[in-house]
Structures are given as C-alpha cells and as structure tokens.
Amino acid sequence: MTKLIHTREVPHALEVEREGQRDATQGFEPKGSYGFIRYLEHGVPSSLVRWHYHEEYELHLIVASSGKVFVGDYIGQFEPGHLVLTGPRVPHNWVSMDAPQQGVKLRDMVIQFAHAPLAVLLDAIPEVKTILPLLQRSLHGIEFFGVSDAAMQRFIRIRDGSGLARFIEFLTLLDELARSNQYQLLSTVAMQSSDDDASMARVSSAIGFIVENYSSQFSMKELAQQLDMPERMFSRFFRSATGNSFTDFVNRLRVNRACQLLMETERYVTNICYDAGFNNVANFNRRFLELKGMTPKQFRQQAQGRFGA
C-alpha cells in the first residue's frame, strides 16, 4: 500500500529564468548585441541573486564578497576567484554573507551559452570534441581551482570582444577548463565515460533502473542475475561506469533525493528517510553524515539560506 504524505511547501520556490526576464538593466547584454555567447555581470543586491535554473550552460566567476554557494544539492563556501560551470537546468545561487550596507557594484561575471550550437560544432569538427567530457561533468556543477586569474582575463576579453575573436576566446577558455584536473564536482553522482561493449551496455541499463527505482529495495545480486552477469563482473563494470561501488552509488542517489526533499518541502526527516529509499533512520543519518558532513536537520537549516535575503 502506498502511503500518502501531505506536505507544506517552503515559502520560496525554485524559479526558471526565462528569456523575457533578461534585460540590460539587470546586467545582461542587450538583445541583438550578442550571438551564441551571452555575457552578464551584476553586483549585490540584485534580483538575479535567487534560487533558479535555466536552459543554458553558465560559467560563473565571483570577483567580490564571500558567502554560501548552492548548486543542486551542494552547499559550500565562495570567495573572490570562485569559478563554477553549471550545466542546463542545474539549480544554483550565490548568497553573499559579508556585503557592505551600500552593496557591491560588481560581484559576478557570467558567461551563458546554449547546447544546440555546440552540439552541431561537436559533430562537425573533431578537434572540438575535447570539451565534451567537460560539458557532461557540468551537469553536476564543477568548481575549478587555480585558474581564476587566467579565466578572468578571458572573461574580460569575451566581454569586450565581438565576432570571431570573441568566439575564439570562448573556445580557448573551455579548452583550458577541459584540460584542467584541478576541479571538484558539486552535485549528484559523477558519471564516467565507459566502453561501448555488451557488458557495459547491460550495466548502463542497470544504472537506468537504479535511477528510476532507487526508492525501492533491491540488491546488486538481483540486478546482476537479471542482466545474466556474474556478480563480481557486474560489480567491476559498475564501478568502471560510475566511479562508485554499487552500494555507494545507490546511497548517493538516495541521499541526493533526501537533500531535494529537505530543501523543497517541510516533510519530517523520518518520512524523508523512507521516501528516499532507506529502510531505517539510523542508517539514513549515518550515510547522510558520511556524504554531506552534517545531519539532515543541519542540512535543512543551512539550505534555507539558498534563497538569499
């Protein structure tokens, strides 16, 4: 029997940033003045500082103030030089905690770009394919380290440039980020590229099953049997495909779902534990603490700040 749980939504909701909301008064480039790449800069306070998502990729560079960053289910700290790439529809917000009363004129330098034109380029020009893994990782949000000074110079040249010169600066910046190994993924499970052999294809189908059914109870042995694979082989290929053991992968998905419920509803933590697929509260609290470094209640308290003042 399915148990229905009545919830009361938190007073702030995740917003979609639509084209009609973007105008020059907020810091966006005026419509018609840009092509594939759109540049934006703004300070704080700003109507753009809110919990939101959009269809474009976004490169976000903080140049002033410090505070909390929220990307998907990730909560962290930012300061000047903080550089993050978010993929399409990944919710995010940066909330300054130390802005002076008079505000900050320039806090954020932002580059937005759509996927469709890049997809055409990736199909047509083999040399551009080096940035494909970067785009795939961006679906989790990526924070880069040690490249903010060089990135800022490219941001400035992109802001002040036009035409082919601007596009070349943009591709060069993406190439530099794609080659960097100084980064961390911020939200959800990191998926790694895999070989296209029959076994990996079967494991990929198992991953799809887990993503759709993580709130149910199932074991690695059961999935391996369904795929007609020895359990040890399944375990090896699963780790190769996801970068995680089977148990860690499932726990991460369940904790990530719990984070979403903690941020977007006021359900009791006990109810969220079972909704996310855990079968006892003690194990839920233990896994949550291992992955997030805080308890579910602490996470909810911190997550309230993602909307800003």
Protein backbone atom coordinates (compact mmCIF):
# COMPACT_ATOMS: atom_id res chain seq x y z
CA MET A 1 0.00 0.00 0.00
CA THR A 2 1.32 3.44 -0.92
CA LYS A 3 1.39 5.83 1.99
CA LEU A 4 0.32 9.37 1.08
CA ILE A 5 2.20 12.11 2.91
CA HIS A 6 0.74 15.60 2.95
CA THR A 7 3.38 18.32 2.81
CA ARG A 8 3.56 22.08 3.01
CA GLU A 9 5.95 23.61 0.50
CA VAL A 10 8.62 26.00 1.75
CA PRO A 11 7.75 29.67 1.13
CA HIS A 12 10.30 30.07 -1.68
CA ALA A 13 10.25 28.01 -4.88
CA LEU A 14 12.81 27.12 -7.50
CA GLU A 15 12.46 29.63 -10.33
CA VAL A 16 13.02 29.19 -14.05
CA GLU A 17 14.96 32.05 -15.62
CA ARG A 18 13.14 32.81 -18.87
CA GLU A 19 14.32 34.86 -21.83
CA GLY A 20 11.77 37.59 -21.20
CA GLN A 21 13.25 38.23 -17.74
CA ARG A 22 16.70 39.08 -19.09
CA ASP A 23 17.30 42.74 -19.86
CA ALA A 24 20.16 45.20 -19.86
CA THR A 25 19.06 46.87 -16.62
CA GLN A 26 19.99 43.65 -14.78
CA GLY A 27 23.42 43.46 -16.39
CA PHE A 28 22.65 41.27 -19.41
CA GLU A 29 23.97 42.25 -22.81
CA PRO A 30 21.18 43.97 -24.78
CA LYS A 31 19.23 41.68 -27.09
CA GLY A 32 20.67 41.73 -30.59
CA SER A 33 24.15 42.75 -29.41
CA TYR A 34 25.46 39.20 -28.94
CA GLY A 35 25.45 35.93 -30.85
CA PHE A 36 25.97 32.45 -29.40
CA ILE A 37 27.73 33.72 -26.26
CA ARG A 38 25.92 35.99 -23.82
CA TYR A 39 27.81 37.94 -21.15
CA LEU A 40 26.30 39.13 -17.87
CA GLU A 41 27.70 40.95 -14.87
CA HIS A 42 25.96 42.19 -11.74
CA GLY A 43 26.51 43.13 -8.14
CA VAL A 44 24.61 42.64 -4.90
CA PRO A 45 21.87 43.25 -4.06
CA SER A 46 20.34 42.07 -7.34
CA SER A 47 17.10 40.44 -8.45
CA LEU A 48 19.31 37.80 -10.11
CA VAL A 49 20.51 36.51 -6.73
CA ARG A 50 17.91 33.80 -6.23
CA TRP A 51 17.47 30.01 -6.32
CA HIS A 52 16.92 29.34 -10.04
CA TYR A 53 17.89 27.42 -13.14
CA HIS A 54 17.87 27.94 -16.91
CA GLU A 55 18.40 26.02 -20.13
CA GLU A 56 21.90 27.37 -20.82
CA TYR A 57 25.29 26.38 -19.51
CA GLU A 58 26.72 29.05 -17.23
CA LEU A 59 30.31 29.93 -16.33
CA HIS A 60 30.17 31.94 -13.11
CA LEU A 61 33.15 33.88 -11.70
CA ILE A 62 32.92 35.67 -8.34
CA VAL A 63 35.09 38.81 -8.16
CA ALA A 64 33.97 40.29 -4.83
CA SER A 65 32.49 39.25 -1.45
CA SER A 66 32.18 35.83 0.14
CA GLY A 67 29.32 33.63 1.29
CA LYS A 68 27.47 30.41 0.56
CA VAL A 69 27.09 28.74 -2.84
CA PHE A 70 24.23 26.39 -3.65
CA VAL A 71 24.46 24.14 -6.73
CA GLY A 72 21.88 21.35 -6.89
CA ASP A 73 22.11 19.66 -3.50
CA TYR A 74 25.59 21.08 -2.82
CA ILE A 75 26.18 23.69 -0.14
CA GLY A 76 29.63 25.27 0.07
CA GLN A 77 31.59 28.47 0.54
CA PHE A 78 32.70 31.01 -2.05
CA GLU A 79 35.11 33.92 -2.11
CA PRO A 80 36.70 36.08 -4.86
CA GLY A 81 38.15 33.82 -7.56
CA HIS A 82 35.44 31.19 -7.17
CA LEU A 83 34.78 29.75 -10.66
CA VAL A 84 31.94 27.31 -11.40
CA LEU A 85 30.43 25.82 -14.56
CA THR A 86 26.82 24.68 -14.29
CA GLY A 87 25.01 22.67 -16.96
CA PRO A 88 21.49 23.16 -18.32
CA ARG A 89 18.72 23.05 -15.70
CA VAL A 90 21.10 22.73 -12.75
CA PRO A 91 19.68 24.97 -9.97
CA HIS A 92 22.12 27.37 -8.34
CA ASN A 93 22.56 30.54 -6.27
CA TRP A 94 25.34 32.54 -4.63
CA VAL A 95 24.43 34.37 -1.41
CA SER A 96 26.91 36.96 -0.09
CA MET A 97 27.25 36.96 3.68
CA ASP A 98 29.62 39.94 4.03
CA ALA A 99 28.35 42.53 1.53
CA PRO A 100 28.51 46.08 2.91
CA GLN A 101 25.31 48.04 3.51
CA GLN A 102 25.81 50.04 0.32
CA GLY A 103 26.13 46.80 -1.64
CA VAL A 104 28.77 45.66 -4.16
CA LYS A 105 28.74 47.09 -7.67
CA LEU A 106 30.38 44.10 -9.38
CA ARG A 107 30.26 40.67 -7.76
CA ASP A 108 29.54 38.26 -10.62
CA MET A 109 30.98 37.85 -14.11
CA VAL A 110 28.91 35.32 -16.06
CA ILE A 111 29.00 33.68 -19.48
CA GLN A 112 25.93 31.82 -20.74
CA PHE A 113 25.78 29.58 -23.82
CA ALA A 114 23.30 27.10 -25.29
CA HIS A 115 23.89 23.43 -26.05
CA ALA A 116 22.41 23.12 -29.55
CA PRO A 117 25.03 25.17 -31.45
CA LEU A 118 27.83 23.38 -29.58
CA ALA A 119 26.31 20.01 -30.46
CA VAL A 120 26.48 20.91 -34.16
CA LEU A 121 30.08 22.00 -33.73
CA LEU A 122 30.99 18.81 -31.86
CA ASP A 123 29.57 16.70 -34.70
CA ALA A 124 31.27 18.69 -37.44
CA ILE A 125 34.73 19.44 -36.01
CA PRO A 126 36.65 16.59 -34.32
CA GLU A 127 39.06 18.96 -32.55
CA VAL A 128 36.20 20.44 -30.53
CA LYS A 129 35.29 17.07 -29.04
CA THR A 130 37.91 17.56 -26.30
CA ILE A 131 35.37 19.72 -24.45
CA LEU A 132 32.64 17.05 -24.45
CA PRO A 133 33.66 15.50 -21.09
CA LEU A 134 33.62 18.99 -19.58
CA LEU A 135 30.05 19.54 -20.74
CA GLN A 136 28.99 16.16 -19.36
CA ARG A 137 30.56 16.91 -15.96
CA SER A 138 28.84 20.30 -15.86
CA LEU A 139 25.51 18.58 -15.25
CA HIS A 140 26.75 18.16 -11.68
CA GLY A 141 28.26 21.64 -11.39
CA ILE A 142 32.07 21.95 -11.49
CA GLU A 143 34.23 24.18 -9.30
CA PHE A 144 37.71 24.93 -10.70
CA PHE A 145 40.84 25.76 -8.73
CA GLY A 146 44.00 27.66 -9.62
CA VAL A 147 42.68 29.11 -12.88
CA SER A 148 40.63 32.13 -11.78
CA ASP A 149 43.21 34.81 -12.72
CA ALA A 150 43.65 33.47 -16.26
CA ALA A 151 39.90 32.89 -16.54
CA MET A 152 39.16 36.49 -15.54
CA GLN A 153 41.37 37.80 -18.35
CA ARG A 154 39.43 35.67 -20.83
CA PHE A 155 36.13 36.82 -19.33
CA ILE A 156 37.21 40.43 -19.88
CA ARG A 157 38.26 39.77 -23.48
CA ILE A 158 34.97 37.97 -24.13
CA ARG A 159 33.03 40.85 -22.57
CA ASP A 160 34.88 43.47 -24.61
CA GLY A 161 35.21 41.41 -27.81
CA SER A 162 32.92 40.56 -30.70
CA GLY A 163 32.64 38.27 -33.68
CA LEU A 164 35.15 35.54 -34.35
CA ALA A 165 37.72 36.90 -31.88
CA ARG A 166 35.18 36.58 -29.06
CA PHE A 167 34.25 33.05 -30.10
CA ILE A 168 37.92 32.01 -30.21
CA GLU A 169 38.45 33.36 -26.68
CA PHE A 170 35.41 31.41 -25.53
CA LEU A 171 36.57 28.12 -27.09
CA THR A 172 40.06 28.63 -25.69
CA LEU A 173 38.60 29.15 -22.21
CA LEU A 174 36.52 25.96 -22.49
CA ASP A 175 39.57 24.06 -23.73
CA GLU A 176 41.64 25.25 -20.76
CA LEU A 177 38.93 24.20 -18.33
CA ALA A 178 38.50 20.86 -20.08
CA ARG A 179 42.24 20.19 -19.68
CA SER A 180 42.35 21.22 -16.03
CA ASN A 181 42.50 18.46 -13.44
CA GLN A 182 42.06 20.88 -10.54
CA TYR A 183 38.32 20.71 -10.02
CA GLN A 184 35.57 19.15 -7.94
CA LEU A 185 32.07 18.05 -8.90
CA LEU A 186 29.49 19.70 -6.71
CA SER A 187 26.18 17.83 -7.02
CA THR A 188 24.93 14.27 -7.56
CA VAL A 189 26.88 11.23 -8.77
CA ALA A 190 29.84 11.65 -11.10
CA MET A 191 29.26 9.56 -14.21
CA GLN A 192 32.39 8.50 -16.10
CA SER A 193 32.70 7.59 -19.77
CA SER A 194 32.76 3.89 -20.50
CA ASP A 195 33.48 1.42 -23.24
CA ASP A 196 30.68 0.52 -25.65
CA ASP A 197 30.88 -3.22 -25.22
CA ALA A 198 27.96 -5.51 -24.45
CA SER A 199 28.71 -5.80 -20.73
CA MET A 200 28.92 -2.03 -20.24
CA ALA A 201 25.66 -1.63 -22.14
CA ARG A 202 23.99 -4.01 -19.71
CA VAL A 203 25.45 -2.15 -16.74
CA SER A 204 24.19 1.11 -18.23
CA SER A 205 20.69 -0.36 -18.32
CA ALA A 206 21.11 -1.29 -14.66
CA ILE A 207 22.09 2.29 -13.87
CA GLY A 208 18.93 3.46 -15.58
CA PHE A 209 16.91 1.03 -13.48
CA ILE A 210 18.53 2.27 -10.27
CA VAL A 211 17.96 5.92 -11.11
CA GLU A 212 14.27 5.21 -11.73
CA ASN A 213 13.75 2.88 -8.76
CA TYR A 214 16.23 3.95 -6.06
CA SER A 215 13.41 4.36 -3.52
CA SER A 216 12.61 0.63 -3.84
CA GLN A 217 14.52 -2.22 -2.21
CA PHE A 218 16.81 -4.32 -4.45
CA SER A 219 20.28 -5.85 -4.24
CA MET A 220 23.30 -5.97 -6.53
CA LYS A 221 22.91 -9.75 -6.73
CA GLU A 222 19.35 -9.40 -8.02
CA LEU A 223 20.34 -6.89 -10.68
CA ALA A 224 23.31 -8.99 -11.80
CA GLN A 225 21.05 -12.00 -12.16
CA GLN A 226 18.54 -10.01 -14.22
CA LEU A 227 21.38 -8.98 -16.54
CA ASP A 228 22.72 -12.54 -16.71
CA MET A 229 26.13 -11.44 -15.39
CA PRO A 230 28.24 -12.93 -12.60
CA GLU A 231 28.04 -10.69 -9.55
CA ARG A 232 31.78 -9.99 -9.50
CA MET A 233 31.80 -8.98 -13.16
CA PHE A 234 28.79 -6.76 -12.64
CA SER A 235 30.49 -5.10 -9.67
CA ARG A 236 33.68 -4.43 -11.67
CA PHE A 237 31.88 -2.97 -14.67
CA PHE A 238 29.55 -0.95 -12.45
CA ARG A 239 32.49 0.76 -10.74
CA SER A 240 34.08 1.44 -14.13
CA ALA A 241 30.87 3.04 -15.43
CA THR A 242 30.04 5.19 -12.40
CA GLY A 243 33.25 5.64 -10.41
CA ASN A 244 31.38 4.26 -7.39
CA SER A 245 30.66 0.90 -5.86
CA PHE A 246 27.08 -0.31 -6.27
CA THR A 247 26.27 0.46 -2.62
CA ASP A 248 27.85 3.93 -2.73
CA PHE A 249 26.02 4.76 -5.96
CA VAL A 250 22.63 3.81 -4.53
CA ASN A 251 23.32 5.61 -1.24
CA ARG A 252 24.38 8.77 -3.08
CA LEU A 253 21.21 8.78 -5.17
CA ARG A 254 19.08 8.28 -2.08
CA VAL A 255 20.89 10.98 -0.11
CA ASN A 256 20.62 13.36 -3.06
CA ARG A 257 16.88 12.74 -3.22
CA ALA A 258 16.67 13.35 0.52
CA CYS A 259 18.53 16.65 0.04
CA GLN A 260 15.99 17.72 -2.56
CA LEU A 261 13.10 16.91 -0.23
CA LEU A 262 14.81 18.66 2.67
CA MET A 263 15.28 21.80 0.55
CA GLU A 264 11.92 21.88 -1.19
CA THR A 265 9.46 20.57 1.41
CA GLU A 266 8.88 20.60 5.15
CA ARG A 267 8.31 16.86 5.48
CA TYR A 268 9.52 15.24 8.67
CA VAL A 269 13.05 13.87 8.40
CA THR A 270 11.74 10.42 9.32
CA ASN A 271 9.33 10.44 6.39
CA ILE A 272 12.06 11.67 4.03
CA CYS A 273 14.27 8.79 5.13
CA TYR A 274 11.78 6.22 3.82
CA ASP A 275 10.73 8.29 0.80
CA ALA A 276 14.35 8.33 -0.34
CA GLY A 277 14.66 4.54 -0.10
CA PHE A 278 16.39 3.95 3.24
CA ASN A 279 14.83 1.28 5.42
CA ASN A 280 15.86 2.66 8.81
CA VAL A 281 16.55 6.10 10.22
CA ALA A 282 19.88 5.23 11.84
CA ASN A 283 21.39 4.08 8.53
CA PHE A 284 19.95 7.16 6.78
CA ASN A 285 21.51 9.53 9.31
CA ARG A 286 24.85 7.69 9.12
CA ARG A 287 25.01 7.74 5.30
CA PHE A 288 23.85 11.36 5.16
CA LEU A 289 26.57 12.42 7.58
CA GLU A 290 29.22 10.50 5.63
CA LEU A 291 28.29 12.14 2.33
CA LYS A 292 27.31 15.65 3.43
CA GLY A 293 29.35 16.18 6.57
CA MET A 294 26.25 17.21 8.50
CA THR A 295 22.97 15.79 9.73
CA PRO A 296 19.75 16.08 7.68
CA LYS A 297 18.43 18.70 10.11
CA GLN A 298 21.62 20.76 9.81
CA PHE A 299 21.44 20.50 6.03
CA ARG A 300 17.87 21.80 6.01
CA GLN A 301 18.82 24.72 8.26
CA GLN A 302 21.72 25.72 6.00
CA ALA A 303 19.70 25.18 2.84
CA GLN A 304 17.20 27.84 3.95
CA GLY A 305 19.86 30.38 3.01
CA ARG A 306 19.90 29.38 -0.67
CA PHE A 307 17.14 31.90 -1.45
CA GLY A 308 19.09 34.91 -0.18
CA ALA A 309 17.76 37.81 1.80
